[in-house]
C-alpha atoms as a PDB file:
ATOM      1  CA  MET A   1     -17.018 117.370  40.598  1.00  0.00           C
ATOM      2  CA  ALA A   2     -18.309 120.357  38.620  1.00  0.00           C
ATOM      3  CA  ILE A   3     -16.953 120.967  35.112  1.00  0.00           C
ATOM      4  CA  GLY A   4     -15.789 124.415  34.049  1.00  0.00           C
ATOM      5  CA  ASN A   5     -13.880 125.146  30.859  1.00  0.00           C
ATOM      6  CA  VAL A   6     -11.929 128.350  30.319  1.00  0.00           C
ATOM      7  CA  THR A   7     -12.249 127.755  26.610  1.00  0.00           C
ATOM      8  CA  PRO A   8     -14.355 129.047  23.714  1.00  0.00           C
ATOM      9  CA  ASP A   9     -14.748 125.610  22.101  1.00  0.00           C
ATOM     10  CA  SER A  10     -15.393 122.795  24.599  1.00  0.00           C
ATOM     11  CA  PHE A  11     -17.994 120.347  23.281  1.00  0.00           C
ATOM     12  CA  TYR A  12     -20.800 121.407  25.654  1.00  0.00           C
ATOM     13  CA  ALA A  13     -21.396 125.115  25.188  1.00  0.00           C
ATOM     14  CA  ALA A  14     -22.905 125.663  28.640  1.00  0.00           C
ATOM     15  CA  SER A  15     -19.603 124.693  30.277  1.00  0.00           C
ATOM     16  CA  ARG A  16     -17.589 127.378  28.466  1.00  0.00           C
ATOM     17  CA  LEU A  17     -16.321 130.210  30.642  1.00  0.00           C
ATOM     18  CA  MET A  18     -14.889 132.199  27.730  1.00  0.00           C
ATOM     19  CA  ASN A  19     -16.695 134.128  25.033  1.00  0.00           C
ATOM     20  CA  PRO A  20     -15.951 132.511  21.645  1.00  0.00           C
ATOM     21  CA  SER A  21     -15.354 135.954  20.131  1.00  0.00           C
ATOM     22  CA  SER A  22     -13.049 137.107  22.919  1.00  0.00           C
ATOM     23  CA  GLU A  23      -9.512 136.123  23.791  1.00  0.00           C
ATOM     24  CA  GLN A  24      -9.878 137.353  27.382  1.00  0.00           C
ATOM     25  CA  VAL A  25     -10.921 135.424  30.464  1.00  0.00           C
ATOM     26  CA  ASP A  26     -13.826 137.045  32.285  1.00  0.00           C
ATOM     27  CA  THR A  27     -13.039 136.340  35.933  1.00  0.00           C
ATOM     28  CA  ASP A  28     -16.528 137.458  36.979  1.00  0.00           C
ATOM     29  CA  VAL A  29     -17.962 134.665  34.846  1.00  0.00           C
ATOM     30  CA  VAL A  30     -15.514 132.136  36.320  1.00  0.00           C
ATOM     31  CA  LEU A  31     -16.338 133.159  39.882  1.00  0.00           C
ATOM     32  CA  ALA A  32     -20.090 133.125  39.219  1.00  0.00           C
ATOM     33  CA  TRP A  33     -19.821 129.598  37.780  1.00  0.00           C
ATOM     34  CA  ALA A  34     -17.879 128.452  40.836  1.00  0.00           C
ATOM     35  CA  LYS A  35     -20.283 129.958  43.363  1.00  0.00           C
ATOM     36  CA  ASN A  36     -23.274 128.536  41.528  1.00  0.00           C
ATOM     37  CA  ALA A  37     -21.717 125.064  41.345  1.00  0.00           C
ATOM     38  CA  LEU A  38     -20.960 125.126  45.062  1.00  0.00           C
ATOM     39  CA  SER A  39     -24.468 126.318  45.902  1.00  0.00           C
ATOM     40  CA  GLU A  40     -25.855 123.388  43.903  1.00  0.00           C
ATOM     41  CA  GLY A  41     -23.788 120.869  45.841  1.00  0.00           C
ATOM     42  CA  ALA A  42     -20.390 120.521  44.174  1.00  0.00           C
ATOM     43  CA  ASP A  43     -17.540 119.218  46.332  1.00  0.00           C
ATOM     44  CA  ILE A  44     -14.794 119.767  43.737  1.00  0.00           C
ATOM     45  CA  LEU A  45     -14.370 122.371  40.998  1.00  0.00           C
ATOM     46  CA  ASP A  46     -12.615 120.964  37.932  1.00  0.00           C
ATOM     47  CA  ILE A  47     -11.284 123.627  35.609  1.00  0.00           C
ATOM     48  CA  GLY A  48      -9.457 123.285  32.316  1.00  0.00           C
ATOM     49  CA  ALA A  49      -8.242 125.618  29.588  1.00  0.00           C
ATOM     50  CA  CYS A  50      -7.524 123.289  26.676  1.00  0.00           C
ATOM     51  CA  SER A  51     -10.368 121.505  24.951  1.00  0.00           C
ATOM     52  CA  THR A  52      -9.862 117.786  24.337  1.00  0.00           C
ATOM     53  CA  ARG A  53     -13.156 117.235  22.553  1.00  0.00           C
ATOM     54  CA  PRO A  54     -13.029 114.714  19.663  1.00  0.00           C
ATOM     55  CA  GLY A  55     -11.443 116.242  16.579  1.00  0.00           C
ATOM     56  CA  SER A  56     -10.089 119.295  18.387  1.00  0.00           C
ATOM     57  CA  THR A  57      -6.570 120.668  18.068  1.00  0.00           C
ATOM     58  CA  PRO A  58      -5.147 121.507  21.502  1.00  0.00           C
ATOM     59  CA  VAL A  59      -4.077 125.107  22.019  1.00  0.00           C
ATOM     60  CA  GLU A  60      -0.411 125.836  22.611  1.00  0.00           C
ATOM     61  CA  GLU A  61       0.902 125.395  26.139  1.00  0.00           C
ATOM     62  CA  ALA A  62       1.469 129.136  26.542  1.00  0.00           C
ATOM     63  CA  GLU A  63      -2.170 129.848  25.643  1.00  0.00           C
ATOM     64  CA  GLU A  64      -3.435 127.230  28.077  1.00  0.00           C
ATOM     65  CA  TRP A  65      -1.437 128.862  30.874  1.00  0.00           C
ATOM     66  CA  ARG A  66      -2.540 132.369  29.849  1.00  0.00           C
ATOM     67  CA  ARG A  67      -6.161 131.305  30.224  1.00  0.00           C
ATOM     68  CA  LEU A  68      -5.647 129.436  33.467  1.00  0.00           C
ATOM     69  CA  GLN A  69      -3.799 132.086  35.470  1.00  0.00           C
ATOM     70  CA  PRO A  70      -6.661 134.573  35.953  1.00  0.00           C
ATOM     71  CA  ALA A  71      -9.186 131.779  36.465  1.00  0.00           C
ATOM     72  CA  LEU A  72      -7.160 130.040  39.169  1.00  0.00           C
ATOM     73  CA  ARG A  73      -6.276 133.350  40.802  1.00  0.00           C
ATOM     74  CA  VAL A  74      -9.892 134.482  41.168  1.00  0.00           C
ATOM     75  CA  LEU A  75     -10.866 131.097  42.592  1.00  0.00           C
ATOM     76  CA  ARG A  76      -8.009 131.010  45.107  1.00  0.00           C
ATOM     77  CA  ASP A  77      -8.547 134.617  46.173  1.00  0.00           C
ATOM     78  CA  ASN A  78     -12.297 134.297  46.675  1.00  0.00           C
ATOM     79  CA  LEU A  79     -12.785 130.622  47.530  1.00  0.00           C
ATOM     80  CA  PRO A  80      -9.536 129.614  49.246  1.00  0.00           C
ATOM     81  CA  GLU A  81     -10.955 126.540  51.008  1.00  0.00           C
ATOM     82  CA  VAL A  82     -12.516 124.956  47.925  1.00  0.00           C
ATOM     83  CA  GLN A  83     -11.053 121.746  46.523  1.00  0.00           C
ATOM     84  CA  LEU A  84      -9.824 122.504  43.014  1.00  0.00           C
ATOM     85  CA  SER A  85      -9.022 120.070  40.238  1.00  0.00           C
ATOM     86  CA  LEU A  86      -6.950 121.040  37.208  1.00  0.00           C
ATOM     87  CA  ASP A  87      -7.842 119.358  33.925  1.00  0.00           C
ATOM     88  CA  THR A  88      -4.560 119.242  32.022  1.00  0.00           C
ATOM     89  CA  PHE A  89      -2.405 116.652  30.293  1.00  0.00           C
ATOM     90  CA  ARG A  90       0.722 118.845  30.277  1.00  0.00           C
ATOM     91  CA  PRO A  91       3.292 118.329  33.059  1.00  0.00           C
ATOM     92  CA  GLU A  92       4.586 121.905  32.838  1.00  0.00           C
ATOM     93  CA  ILE A  93       1.077 123.336  33.238  1.00  0.00           C
ATOM     94  CA  ALA A  94       0.532 121.120  36.279  1.00  0.00           C
ATOM     95  CA  ARG A  95       3.845 122.247  37.778  1.00  0.00           C
ATOM     96  CA  LEU A  96       3.145 125.950  37.212  1.00  0.00           C
ATOM     97  CA  ALA A  97      -0.344 125.685  38.679  1.00  0.00           C
ATOM     98  CA  LEU A  98       0.866 123.877  41.774  1.00  0.00           C
ATOM     99  CA  GLU A  99       3.739 126.326  42.288  1.00  0.00           C
ATOM    100  CA  HIS A 100       1.613 129.450  41.885  1.00  0.00           C
ATOM    101  CA  PHE A 101      -1.765 128.393  43.275  1.00  0.00           C
ATOM    102  CA  GLY A 102      -1.124 125.621  45.757  1.00  0.00           C
ATOM    103  CA  PRO A 103      -2.380 122.057  46.102  1.00  0.00           C
ATOM    104  CA  MET A 104      -5.063 120.774  43.769  1.00  0.00           C
ATOM    105  CA  ILE A 105      -6.039 117.523  42.098  1.00  0.00           C
ATOM    106  CA  ILE A 106      -4.366 116.995  38.733  1.00  0.00           C
ATOM    107  CA  ASN A 107      -6.894 115.482  36.322  1.00  0.00           C
ATOM    108  CA  ASP A 108      -4.931 114.110  33.352  1.00  0.00           C
ATOM    109  CA  ILE A 109      -6.923 112.515  30.520  1.00  0.00           C
ATOM    110  CA  SER A 110      -3.764 111.326  28.753  1.00  0.00           C
ATOM    111  CA  GLY A 111      -2.810 108.566  31.163  1.00  0.00           C
ATOM    112  CA  GLY A 112       0.298 110.485  32.126  1.00  0.00           C
ATOM    113  CA  CYS A 113       4.044 110.101  31.729  1.00  0.00           C
ATOM    114  CA  PRO A 114       7.022 109.773  34.093  1.00  0.00           C
ATOM    115  CA  LEU A 115       7.487 113.559  34.284  1.00  0.00           C
ATOM    116  CA  MET A 116       3.839 114.086  35.285  1.00  0.00           C
ATOM    117  CA  TYR A 117       4.119 111.319  37.855  1.00  0.00           C
ATOM    118  CA  ASP A 118       7.238 112.948  39.330  1.00  0.00           C
ATOM    119  CA  ILE A 119       5.476 116.316  39.604  1.00  0.00           C
ATOM    120  CA  VAL A 120       2.350 115.074  41.385  1.00  0.00           C
ATOM    121  CA  ARG A 121       4.479 112.913  43.675  1.00  0.00           C
ATOM    122  CA  SER A 122       6.773 115.794  44.602  1.00  0.00           C
ATOM    123  CA  PHE A 123       3.838 118.124  45.346  1.00  0.00           C
ATOM    124  CA  GLU A 124       1.976 115.311  47.143  1.00  0.00           C
ATOM    125  CA  VAL A 125      -1.342 115.975  45.397  1.00  0.00           C
ATOM    126  CA  PRO A 126      -4.004 113.527  44.156  1.00  0.00           C
ATOM    127  CA  TYR A 127      -3.691 112.445  40.545  1.00  0.00           C
ATOM    128  CA  VAL A 128      -6.512 111.273  38.286  1.00  0.00           C
ATOM    129  CA  TRP A 129      -5.054 108.419  36.285  1.00  0.00           C
ATOM    130  CA  THR A 130      -7.177 107.982  33.152  1.00  0.00           C
ATOM    131  CA  LEU A 131      -7.134 104.361  32.032  1.00  0.00           C
ATOM    132  CA  ARG A 132      -8.696 105.018  28.611  1.00  0.00           C
ATOM    133  CA  GLY A 133     -10.572 101.722  28.704  1.00  0.00           C
ATOM    134  CA  ASN A 134      -7.684  99.552  29.967  1.00  0.00           C
ATOM    135  CA  LEU A 135      -9.202  98.704  33.346  1.00  0.00           C
ATOM    136  CA  ASP A 136      -6.732  95.920  34.099  1.00  0.00           C
ATOM    137  CA  LEU A 137      -3.697  98.146  33.465  1.00  0.00           C
ATOM    138  CA  PRO A 138      -1.217  97.528  36.297  1.00  0.00           C
ATOM    139  CA  VAL A 139       0.164 100.417  38.329  1.00  0.00           C
ATOM    140  CA  GLN A 140       3.630 101.147  36.984  1.00  0.00           C
ATOM    141  CA  LYS A 141       6.673 101.313  39.236  1.00  0.00           C
ATOM    142  CA  SER A 142       7.100 104.982  38.266  1.00  0.00           C
ATOM    143  CA  MET A 143       3.684 105.684  39.845  1.00  0.00           C
ATOM    144  CA  GLU A 144       4.503 104.331  43.293  1.00  0.00           C
ATOM    145  CA  GLY A 145       3.833 106.783  46.089  1.00  0.00           C
ATOM    146  CA  ILE A 146       1.153 108.719  44.170  1.00  0.00           C
ATOM    147  CA  ASP A 147      -2.325 109.309  45.613  1.00  0.00           C
ATOM    148  CA  LEU A 148      -4.241 107.823  42.670  1.00  0.00           C
ATOM    149  CA  ILE A 149      -7.831 108.415  41.629  1.00  0.00           C
ATOM    150  CA  LEU A 150      -8.865 105.989  38.884  1.00  0.00           C
ATOM    151  CA  ASP A 151     -10.845 107.204  35.866  1.00  0.00           C
ATOM    152  CA  PRO A 152     -11.984 104.569  33.328  1.00  0.00           C
ATOM    153  CA  GLY A 153     -11.759 107.239  30.622  1.00  0.00           C
ATOM    154  CA  PHE A 154     -15.216 107.266  29.050  1.00  0.00           C
ATOM    155  CA  GLY A 155     -15.001 109.129  25.764  1.00  0.00           C
ATOM    156  CA  PHE A 156     -11.395 107.999  25.311  1.00  0.00           C
ATOM    157  CA  CYS A 157     -11.894 104.226  25.168  1.00  0.00           C
ATOM    158  CA  GLY A 158     -11.987 104.034  21.360  1.00  0.00           C
ATOM    159  CA  GLY A 159     -15.607 104.603  20.413  1.00  0.00           C
ATOM    160  CA  VAL A 160     -19.124 104.205  21.773  1.00  0.00           C
ATOM    161  CA  GLU A 161     -19.153 100.392  21.840  1.00  0.00           C
ATOM    162  CA  LYS A 162     -15.834 100.280  23.685  1.00  0.00           C
ATOM    163  CA  ASP A 163     -17.119 102.885  26.132  1.00  0.00           C
ATOM    164  CA  TYR A 164     -20.022 100.581  26.974  1.00  0.00           C
ATOM    165  CA  ALA A 165     -17.769  97.542  27.182  1.00  0.00           C
ATOM    166  CA  CYS A 166     -15.709  99.502  29.698  1.00  0.00           C
ATOM    167  CA  MET A 167     -18.841 100.477  31.622  1.00  0.00           C
ATOM    168  CA  ARG A 168     -19.802  96.822  31.955  1.00  0.00           C
ATOM    169  CA  GLU A 169     -16.435  96.184  33.632  1.00  0.00           C
ATOM    170  CA  LEU A 170     -16.551  99.199  35.976  1.00  0.00           C
ATOM    171  CA  ASP A 171     -16.983  96.996  39.059  1.00  0.00           C
ATOM    172  CA  SER A 172     -13.511  95.543  38.501  1.00  0.00           C
ATOM    173  CA  LEU A 173     -11.894  98.805  39.604  1.00  0.00           C
ATOM    174  CA  ARG A 174     -13.157  98.312  43.156  1.00  0.00           C
ATOM    175  CA  ALA A 175     -10.361  95.771  43.653  1.00  0.00           C
ATOM    176  CA  PHE A 176      -7.744  98.558  43.608  1.00  0.00           C
ATOM    177  CA  ASN A 177      -9.325 100.227  46.676  1.00  0.00           C
ATOM    178  CA  ARG A 178      -8.922 103.691  45.171  1.00  0.00           C
ATOM    179  CA  PRO A 179     -11.457 106.459  44.514  1.00  0.00           C
ATOM    180  CA  ILE A 180     -13.155 105.951  41.133  1.00  0.00           C
ATOM    181  CA  LEU A 181     -13.948 109.050  39.085  1.00  0.00           C
ATOM    182  CA  VAL A 182     -16.539 108.675  36.339  1.00  0.00           C
ATOM    183  CA  GLY A 183     -17.003 111.389  33.719  1.00  0.00           C
ATOM    184  CA  LEU A 184     -20.033 110.608  31.570  1.00  0.00           C
ATOM    185  CA  SER A 185     -21.737 113.955  31.444  1.00  0.00           C
ATOM    186  CA  ARG A 186     -23.327 114.627  28.038  1.00  0.00           C
ATOM    187  CA  LYS A 187     -20.695 112.560  26.196  1.00  0.00           C
ATOM    188  CA  SER A 188     -21.147 110.927  22.806  1.00  0.00           C
ATOM    189  CA  MET A 189     -21.670 107.459  24.313  1.00  0.00           C
ATOM    190  CA  LEU A 190     -25.005 108.871  25.493  1.00  0.00           C
ATOM    191  CA  TRP A 191     -26.232 111.058  22.682  1.00  0.00           C
ATOM    192  CA  LYS A 192     -25.020 109.143  19.641  1.00  0.00           C
ATOM    193  CA  PRO A 193     -27.024 105.922  20.239  1.00  0.00           C
ATOM    194  CA  LEU A 194     -30.143 107.989  20.930  1.00  0.00           C
ATOM    195  CA  GLY A 195     -29.800 110.369  18.003  1.00  0.00           C
ATOM    196  CA  LEU A 196     -29.529 113.334  20.364  1.00  0.00           C
ATOM    197  CA  THR A 197     -26.944 116.066  21.005  1.00  0.00           C
ATOM    198  CA  PRO A 198     -24.901 117.089  24.056  1.00  0.00           C
ATOM    199  CA  ASP A 199     -27.619 119.664  24.788  1.00  0.00           C
ATOM    200  CA  THR A 200     -30.461 117.120  24.773  1.00  0.00           C
ATOM    201  CA  CYS A 201     -29.063 114.054  26.557  1.00  0.00           C
ATOM    202  CA  PHE A 202     -29.594 115.230  30.139  1.00  0.00           C
ATOM    203  CA  CYS A 203     -31.857 112.323  31.133  1.00  0.00           C
ATOM    204  CA  ALA A 204     -29.537 109.730  29.612  1.00  0.00           C
ATOM    205  CA  THR A 205     -26.624 111.249  31.522  1.00  0.00           C
ATOM    206  CA  GLN A 206     -28.456 110.963  34.821  1.00  0.00           C
ATOM    207  CA  ALA A 207     -29.493 107.362  34.132  1.00  0.00           C
ATOM    208  CA  LEU A 208     -25.936 106.256  33.431  1.00  0.00           C
ATOM    209  CA  GLN A 209     -24.545 108.214  36.383  1.00  0.00           C
ATOM    210  CA  LEU A 210     -26.867 106.247  38.670  1.00  0.00           C
ATOM    211  CA  TYR A 211     -25.604 103.021  37.104  1.00  0.00           C
ATOM    212  CA  ALA A 212     -22.028 104.201  37.722  1.00  0.00           C
ATOM    213  CA  LEU A 213     -22.763 104.840  41.408  1.00  0.00           C
ATOM    214  CA  GLU A 214     -24.201 101.362  41.747  1.00  0.00           C
ATOM    215  CA  HIS A 215     -21.062  99.880  40.225  1.00  0.00           C
ATOM    216  CA  GLY A 216     -18.358 101.636  42.206  1.00  0.00           C
ATOM    217  CA  ALA A 217     -18.096 105.299  41.194  1.00  0.00           C
ATOM    218  CA  THR A 218     -17.165 107.569  44.108  1.00  0.00           C
ATOM    219  CA  ILE A 219     -16.755 110.849  42.181  1.00  0.00           C
ATOM    220  CA  LEU A 220     -19.112 111.990  39.414  1.00  0.00           C
ATOM    221  CA  ARG A 221     -17.701 114.636  37.087  1.00  0.00           C
ATOM    222  CA  THR A 222     -20.678 116.563  35.749  1.00  0.00           C
ATOM    223  CA  HIS A 223     -22.015 119.622  33.985  1.00  0.00           C
ATOM    224  CA  ASP A 224     -25.324 119.402  35.869  1.00  0.00           C
ATOM    225  CA  VAL A 225     -24.438 119.715  39.527  1.00  0.00           C
ATOM    226  CA  ARG A 226     -27.815 120.036  41.206  1.00  0.00           C
ATOM    227  CA  ALA A 227     -29.342 117.059  39.399  1.00  0.00           C
ATOM    228  CA  THR A 228     -26.270 114.945  40.074  1.00  0.00           C
ATOM    229  CA  ARG A 229     -26.296 115.893  43.754  1.00  0.00           C
ATOM    230  CA  ASP A 230     -29.958 114.830  43.894  1.00  0.00           C
ATOM    231  CA  ILE A 231     -29.081 111.448  42.391  1.00  0.00           C
ATOM    232  CA  ILE A 232     -26.297 110.945  44.935  1.00  0.00           C
ATOM    233  CA  THR A 233     -28.607 111.934  47.806  1.00  0.00           C
ATOM    234  CA  ILE A 234     -31.329 109.488  46.797  1.00  0.00           C
ATOM    235  CA  TRP A 235     -28.816 106.725  46.075  1.00  0.00           C
ATOM    236  CA  ASN A 236     -27.306 107.211  49.553  1.00  0.00           C
ATOM    237  CA  LYS A 237     -30.795 107.007  51.028  1.00  0.00           C
ATOM    238  CA  ILE A 238     -31.313 103.628  49.375  1.00  0.00           C
ATOM    239  CA  VAL A 239     -27.873 102.194  50.063  1.00  0.00           C
ATOM    240  CA  ASN A 240     -26.791 103.850  53.319  1.00  0.00           C
ATOM    241  CA  CYS A 241     -30.095 105.103  54.770  1.00  0.00           C
ATOM    242  CA  GLU A 242     -28.816 108.681  54.475  1.00  0.00           C
ATOM    243  CA  LEU A 243     -30.792 111.782  53.561  1.00  0.00           C
END
């Protein structure tokens, strides 16, 4: 799952598909990012328009939708067969995107709410349920009938030590027999202990992504598609004799 942000302020600058000095979405930049990610081996394109980096103030809902419309339109028009994922915590944004641009995964870092659950159920699309460190959280009755993808929620567990405590329990999610999405790429749980930055923790990201694969991850959400695809390929060669 390749990460693209139609924002001027997401924590990793290389993922930004908007110029910080411009309020306009450059659809050529969005399309170039998408084509490059696919050429490097991405299976899913995850796009968001509201930064949720630590300490950020989310943009208004209307601004999030203003950014998303041209980005989703250029992707649907030029890459209609590609699996899209929408990174949003707002039910109304999810509803608008599904109505205007068709089926896509809804990737919700908030853990959701009954209205969001109703929307993804009614549109019959996969939903990334972010557990935010609560790996034993039971599926609520309001979530019945939803095609769930489980995300432990690294970066939202309550600090670096809790992120690692959650990582040590990652295997437990296998019991739910659902896809497990892991988003570790360049996050603070990697660069803070090493005294690095998001720009300089590439190797640490790849090391922990391999650990995640070994402990149940089935989707890796990443900024570095080619390197992550290489890790998956070699891991499959070891585990499944595939290459």
